[in-house]
PDB file of N, CA and C in Angstrom:
ATOM      1  N   MET A   1      13.101   7.697  -9.746  1.00  0.00           N
ATOM      2  CA  MET A   1      12.228   8.731 -10.367  1.00  0.00           C
ATOM      3  C   MET A   1      10.892   8.134 -10.687  1.00  0.00           C
ATOM      4  N   MET A   2      10.983   6.868 -11.113  1.00  0.00           N
ATOM      5  CA  MET A   2       9.641   6.134 -11.695  1.00  0.00           C
ATOM      6  C   MET A   2       8.848   5.646 -10.457  1.00  0.00           C
ATOM      7  N   ASP A   3       9.568   5.391  -9.340  1.00  0.00           N
ATOM      8  CA  ASP A   3       8.833   5.060  -8.056  1.00  0.00           C
ATOM      9  C   ASP A   3       8.137   6.210  -7.642  1.00  0.00           C
ATOM     10  N   PHE A   4       8.660   7.319  -7.673  1.00  0.00           N
ATOM     11  CA  PHE A   4       7.986   8.648  -7.221  1.00  0.00           C
ATOM     12  C   PHE A   4       6.848   8.810  -8.058  1.00  0.00           C
ATOM     13  N   ILE A   5       6.739   8.643  -9.293  1.00  0.00           N
ATOM     14  CA  ILE A   5       5.579   8.827 -10.060  1.00  0.00           C
ATOM     15  C   ILE A   5       4.627   7.827  -9.821  1.00  0.00           C
ATOM     16  N   LYS A   6       4.926   6.599  -9.616  1.00  0.00           N
ATOM     17  CA  LYS A   6       3.941   5.695  -9.125  1.00  0.00           C
ATOM     18  C   LYS A   6       3.322   5.946  -7.869  1.00  0.00           C
ATOM     19  N   ILE A   7       4.170   6.384  -6.831  1.00  0.00           N
ATOM     20  CA  ILE A   7       3.525   6.812  -5.530  1.00  0.00           C
ATOM     21  C   ILE A   7       2.579   7.953  -5.732  1.00  0.00           C
ATOM     22  N   LEU A   8       2.912   8.834  -6.522  1.00  0.00           N
ATOM     23  CA  LEU A   8       2.119   9.986  -6.769  1.00  0.00           C
ATOM     24  C   LEU A   8       0.689   9.674  -7.481  1.00  0.00           C
ATOM     25  N   PHE A   9       0.797   8.673  -8.294  1.00  0.00           N
ATOM     26  CA  PHE A   9      -0.325   8.019  -8.842  1.00  0.00           C
ATOM     27  C   PHE A   9      -1.225   7.368  -7.811  1.00  0.00           C
ATOM     28  N   SER A  10      -0.514   6.708  -6.974  1.00  0.00           N
ATOM     29  CA  SER A  10      -1.179   5.919  -5.855  1.00  0.00           C
ATOM     30  C   SER A  10      -1.974   6.746  -4.867  1.00  0.00           C
ATOM     31  N   VAL A  11      -1.494   8.165  -4.734  1.00  0.00           N
ATOM     32  CA  VAL A  11      -2.144   8.903  -3.794  1.00  0.00           C
ATOM     33  C   VAL A  11      -3.438   9.545  -4.608  1.00  0.00           C
ATOM     34  N   LEU A  12      -3.343   9.825  -5.810  1.00  0.00           N
ATOM     35  CA  LEU A  12      -4.489  10.255  -6.623  1.00  0.00           C
ATOM     36  C   LEU A  12      -5.461   8.979  -6.821  1.00  0.00           C
ATOM     37  N   LEU A  13      -5.017   7.845  -7.327  1.00  0.00           N
ATOM     38  CA  LEU A  13      -5.898   6.801  -7.763  1.00  0.00           C
ATOM     39  C   LEU A  13      -5.098   5.503  -7.335  1.00  0.00           C
ATOM     40  N   PRO A  14      -5.276   4.928  -6.204  1.00  0.00           N
ATOM     41  CA  PRO A  14      -4.369   3.890  -5.791  1.00  0.00           C
ATOM     42  C   PRO A  14      -4.368   2.683  -6.681  1.00  0.00           C
ATOM     43  N   PRO A  15      -5.375   2.171  -7.470  1.00  0.00           N
ATOM     44  CA  PRO A  15      -5.321   1.034  -8.278  1.00  0.00           C
ATOM     45  C   PRO A  15      -4.304   1.373  -9.364  1.00  0.00           C
ATOM     46  N   LEU A  16      -4.334   2.714  -9.714  1.00  0.00           N
ATOM     47  CA  LEU A  16      -3.553   2.929 -10.906  1.00  0.00           C
ATOM     48  C   LEU A  16      -1.982   2.822 -10.620  1.00  0.00           C
ATOM     49  N   GLY A  17      -1.577   3.217  -9.466  1.00  0.00           N
ATOM     50  CA  GLY A  17      -0.111   3.061  -9.072  1.00  0.00           C
ATOM     51  C   GLY A  17       0.345   1.550  -8.952  1.00  0.00           C
ATOM     52  N   VAL A  18      -0.570   0.731  -8.478  1.00  0.00           N
ATOM     53  CA  VAL A  18      -0.462  -0.696  -8.244  1.00  0.00           C
ATOM     54  C   VAL A  18      -0.297  -1.270  -9.773  1.00  0.00           C
ATOM     55  N   PHE A  19      -1.222  -0.917 -10.550  1.00  0.00           N
ATOM     56  CA  PHE A  19      -1.283  -1.511 -11.968  1.00  0.00           C
ATOM     57  C   PHE A  19       0.115  -1.128 -12.737  1.00  0.00           C
ATOM     58  N   LEU A  20       0.470   0.107 -12.461  1.00  0.00           N
ATOM     59  CA  LEU A  20       1.819   0.552 -13.172  1.00  0.00           C
ATOM     60  C   LEU A  20       2.978  -0.282 -12.624  1.00  0.00           C
ATOM     61  N   ASP A  21       2.984  -0.771 -11.374  1.00  0.00           N
ATOM     62  CA  ASP A  21       4.114  -1.465 -10.708  1.00  0.00           C
ATOM     63  C   ASP A  21       4.032  -3.062 -10.977  1.00  0.00           C
ATOM     64  N   GLN A  22       2.672  -3.521 -10.987  1.00  0.00           N
ATOM     65  CA  GLN A  22       2.477  -5.015 -10.938  1.00  0.00           C
ATOM     66  C   GLN A  22       1.861  -5.516 -12.058  1.00  0.00           C
ATOM     67  N   GLY A  23       1.012  -4.653 -12.865  1.00  0.00           N
ATOM     68  CA  GLY A  23       0.120  -5.094 -13.857  1.00  0.00           C
ATOM     69  C   GLY A  23      -1.136  -5.720 -13.276  1.00  0.00           C
ATOM     70  N   ILE A  24      -2.008  -6.477 -13.910  1.00  0.00           N
ATOM     71  CA  ILE A  24      -3.216  -6.958 -13.424  1.00  0.00           C
ATOM     72  C   ILE A  24      -2.844  -8.316 -12.772  1.00  0.00           C
ATOM     73  N   ARG A  25      -2.468  -8.132 -11.543  1.00  0.00           N
ATOM     74  CA  ARG A  25      -2.225  -9.401 -10.667  1.00  0.00           C
ATOM     75  C   ARG A  25      -2.996  -9.371  -9.466  1.00  0.00           C
ATOM     76  N   LYS A  26      -2.638 -10.183  -8.498  1.00  0.00           N
ATOM     77  CA  LYS A  26      -3.588 -10.231  -7.216  1.00  0.00           C
ATOM     78  C   LYS A  26      -3.489  -8.939  -6.398  1.00  0.00           C
ATOM     79  N   HIS A  27      -2.395  -8.322  -6.467  1.00  0.00           N
ATOM     80  CA  HIS A  27      -2.313  -7.001  -5.730  1.00  0.00           C
ATOM     81  C   HIS A  27      -3.095  -5.909  -6.211  1.00  0.00           C
ATOM     82  N   PHE A  28      -3.305  -5.891  -7.615  1.00  0.00           N
ATOM     83  CA  PHE A  28      -4.224  -4.997  -8.214  1.00  0.00           C
ATOM     84  C   PHE A  28      -5.607  -5.224  -7.926  1.00  0.00           C
ATOM     85  N   TRP A  29      -6.069  -6.379  -7.705  1.00  0.00           N
ATOM     86  CA  TRP A  29      -7.470  -6.722  -7.319  1.00  0.00           C
ATOM     87  C   TRP A  29      -7.543  -6.373  -5.871  1.00  0.00           C
ATOM     88  N   ILE A  30      -6.574  -6.764  -4.965  1.00  0.00           N
ATOM     89  CA  ILE A  30      -6.767  -6.587  -3.514  1.00  0.00           C
ATOM     90  C   ILE A  30      -6.889  -4.976  -3.410  1.00  0.00           C
ATOM     91  N   ASN A  31      -5.984  -4.206  -4.093  1.00  0.00           N
ATOM     92  CA  ASN A  31      -6.035  -2.865  -4.118  1.00  0.00           C
ATOM     93  C   ASN A  31      -7.486  -2.162  -4.515  1.00  0.00           C
ATOM     94  N   ILE A  32      -8.025  -2.784  -5.494  1.00  0.00           N
ATOM     95  CA  ILE A  32      -9.362  -2.193  -5.860  1.00  0.00           C
ATOM     96  C   ILE A  32     -10.380  -2.421  -4.796  1.00  0.00           C
ATOM     97  N   LEU A  33     -10.230  -3.648  -4.196  1.00  0.00           N
ATOM     98  CA  LEU A  33     -11.247  -3.935  -3.110  1.00  0.00           C
ATOM     99  C   LEU A  33     -10.944  -2.996  -1.958  1.00  0.00           C
ATOM    100  N   LEU A  34      -9.839  -2.963  -1.472  1.00  0.00           N
ATOM    101  CA  LEU A  34      -9.504  -1.977  -0.324  1.00  0.00           C
ATOM    102  C   LEU A  34      -9.830  -0.524  -0.771  1.00  0.00           C
ATOM    103  N   THR A  35      -9.684  -0.106  -1.848  1.00  0.00           N
ATOM    104  CA  THR A  35     -10.005   1.187  -2.155  1.00  0.00           C
ATOM    105  C   THR A  35     -11.530   1.472  -2.191  1.00  0.00           C
ATOM    106  N   LEU A  36     -12.201   0.447  -2.543  1.00  0.00           N
ATOM    107  CA  LEU A  36     -13.780   0.516  -2.560  1.00  0.00           C
ATOM    108  C   LEU A  36     -14.137   0.562  -0.963  1.00  0.00           C
ATOM    109  N   LEU A  37     -13.513  -0.162  -0.050  1.00  0.00           N
ATOM    110  CA  LEU A  37     -13.958  -0.225   1.253  1.00  0.00           C
ATOM    111  C   LEU A  37     -13.514   1.079   1.876  1.00  0.00           C
ATOM    112  N   GLY A  38     -12.480   1.738   1.431  1.00  0.00           N
ATOM    113  CA  GLY A  38     -12.033   2.974   2.089  1.00  0.00           C
ATOM    114  C   GLY A  38     -10.837   3.498   1.309  1.00  0.00           C
ATOM    115  N   TYR A  39     -10.849   4.905   0.920  1.00  0.00           N
ATOM    116  CA  TYR A  39      -9.796   5.345   0.140  1.00  0.00           C
ATOM    117  C   TYR A  39      -8.426   5.303   0.876  1.00  0.00           C
ATOM    118  N   LEU A  40      -8.295   5.452   2.207  1.00  0.00           N
ATOM    119  CA  LEU A  40      -6.975   5.392   2.979  1.00  0.00           C
ATOM    120  C   LEU A  40      -6.424   3.980   2.922  1.00  0.00           C
ATOM    121  N   PRO A  41      -7.178   2.852   3.206  1.00  0.00           N
ATOM    122  CA  PRO A  41      -6.607   1.650   3.060  1.00  0.00           C
ATOM    123  C   PRO A  41      -5.914   1.409   1.563  1.00  0.00           C
ATOM    124  N   GLY A  42      -6.709   1.886   0.577  1.00  0.00           N
ATOM    125  CA  GLY A  42      -6.208   1.602  -0.721  1.00  0.00           C
ATOM    126  C   GLY A  42      -4.775   2.393  -0.898  1.00  0.00           C
ATOM    127  N   ILE A  43      -4.763   3.560  -0.391  1.00  0.00           N
ATOM    128  CA  ILE A  43      -3.401   4.353  -0.484  1.00  0.00           C
ATOM    129  C   ILE A  43      -2.308   3.566   0.173  1.00  0.00           C
ATOM    130  N   ILE A  44      -2.595   3.130   1.371  1.00  0.00           N
ATOM    131  CA  ILE A  44      -1.531   2.494   2.174  1.00  0.00           C
ATOM    132  C   ILE A  44      -1.116   1.221   1.501  1.00  0.00           C
ATOM    133  N   HIS A  45      -2.059   0.483   1.094  1.00  0.00           N
ATOM    134  CA  HIS A  45      -1.643  -0.815   0.365  1.00  0.00           C
ATOM    135  C   HIS A  45      -0.810  -0.536  -0.939  1.00  0.00           C
ATOM    136  N   ALA A  46      -1.271   0.555  -1.700  1.00  0.00           N
ATOM    137  CA  ALA A  46      -0.501   0.901  -2.944  1.00  0.00           C
ATOM    138  C   ALA A  46       0.775   1.315  -2.583  1.00  0.00           C
ATOM    139  N   VAL A  47       1.127   2.050  -1.701  1.00  0.00           N
ATOM    140  CA  VAL A  47       2.437   2.654  -1.153  1.00  0.00           C
ATOM    141  C   VAL A  47       3.349   1.423  -0.819  1.00  0.00           C
ATOM    142  N   TYR A  48       2.637   0.482  -0.029  1.00  0.00           N
ATOM    143  CA  TYR A  48       3.458  -0.621   0.405  1.00  0.00           C
ATOM    144  C   TYR A  48       3.862  -1.552  -0.820  1.00  0.00           C
ATOM    145  N   VAL A  49       2.973  -1.729  -1.692  1.00  0.00           N
ATOM    146  CA  VAL A  49       3.404  -2.663  -2.796  1.00  0.00           C
ATOM    147  C   VAL A  49       4.474  -1.907  -3.560  1.00  0.00           C
ATOM    148  N   ILE A  50       4.395  -0.717  -3.739  1.00  0.00           N
ATOM    149  CA  ILE A  50       5.371   0.032  -4.672  1.00  0.00           C
ATOM    150  C   ILE A  50       6.732   0.148  -3.881  1.00  0.00           C
ATOM    151  N   ALA A  51       6.739   0.504  -2.699  1.00  0.00           N
ATOM    152  CA  ALA A  51       8.000   0.614  -1.857  1.00  0.00           C
ATOM    153  C   ALA A  51       8.706  -0.599  -1.449  1.00  0.00           C
ATOM    154  N   ARG A  52       8.010  -1.700  -1.398  1.00  0.00           N
ATOM    155  CA  ARG A  52       8.727  -2.931  -1.120  1.00  0.00           C
ATOM    156  C   ARG A  52       9.708  -3.329  -2.145  1.00  0.00           C
ATOM    157  N   GLU A  53      10.417  -4.456  -1.981  1.00  0.00           N
ATOM    158  CA  GLU A  53      11.567  -4.918  -2.866  1.00  0.00           C
ATOM    159  C   GLU A  53      10.868  -5.173  -4.299  1.00  0.00           C
ATOM    160  N   PRO A  54      11.519  -4.844  -5.273  1.00  0.00           N
ATOM    161  CA  PRO A  54      10.989  -4.931  -6.647  1.00  0.00           C
ATOM    162  C   PRO A  54      10.480  -6.530  -6.851  1.00  0.00           C
ATOM    163  N   THR A  55       9.601  -6.610  -7.581  1.00  0.00           N
ATOM    164  CA  THR A  55       9.021  -8.031  -8.053  1.00  0.00           C
ATOM    165  C   THR A  55      10.079  -8.578  -8.955  1.00  0.00           C
ATOM    166  N   ARG A  56      10.321  -9.877  -8.712  1.00  0.00           N
ATOM    167  CA  ARG A  56      11.232 -10.586  -9.505  1.00  0.00           C
ATOM    168  C   ARG A  56      10.400 -11.226 -10.683  1.00  0.00           C
ATOM    169  N   ARG A  57      10.624 -10.613 -11.827  1.00  0.00           N
ATOM    170  CA  ARG A  57       9.764 -10.862 -12.913  1.00  0.00           C
ATOM    171  C   ARG A  57      10.699 -11.872 -13.815  1.00  0.00           C
ATOM    172  N   VAL A  58      10.134 -12.920 -14.237  1.00  0.00           N
ATOM    173  CA  VAL A  58      10.726 -13.891 -14.990  1.00  0.00           C
ATOM    174  C   VAL A  58      10.809 -13.453 -16.493  1.00  0.00           C
ATOM    175  N   VAL A  59      11.977 -13.293 -17.000  1.00  0.00           N
ATOM    176  CA  VAL A  59      12.134 -12.873 -18.459  1.00  0.00           C
ATOM    177  C   VAL A  59      12.341 -14.155 -19.287  1.00  0.00           C
ATOM    178  N   HIS A  60      11.474 -14.611 -20.299  1.00  0.00           N
ATOM    179  CA  HIS A  60      11.621 -15.811 -21.082  1.00  0.00           C
ATOM    180  C   HIS A  60      12.405 -15.504 -22.242  1.00  0.00           C
ATOM    181  N   SER A  61      13.639 -16.148 -22.377  1.00  0.00           N
ATOM    182  CA  SER A  61      14.460 -16.005 -23.557  1.00  0.00           C
ATOM    183  C   SER A  61      14.107 -17.152 -24.540  1.00  0.00           C
ATOM    184  N   GLN A  62      14.373 -16.761 -25.759  1.00  0.00           N
ATOM    185  CA  GLN A  62      14.152 -17.865 -26.940  1.00  0.00           C
ATOM    186  C   GLN A  62      15.192 -18.273 -27.423  1.00  0.00           C
TER     187      GLN A  62
END
C-alpha cells in the first residue's frame, strides 16, 4: 500500500516520491535533474526507483 502512495506522489511530483523512498541520496538528485530536463523522464526514473528491490538500509544497533 505504501508503494502505491509513493508511485502516486511520483506521478504528481517525481522528486517527492523518490524522497519518500530513498531520502536525500543520489537518486533524489538524479530525479530532480531528470524532472528539470523533462517531466516524463522524472516520472519514469521515480517509478523505477520505487518499484525495484527495496534498498538495503543498514540499521546500527548500540
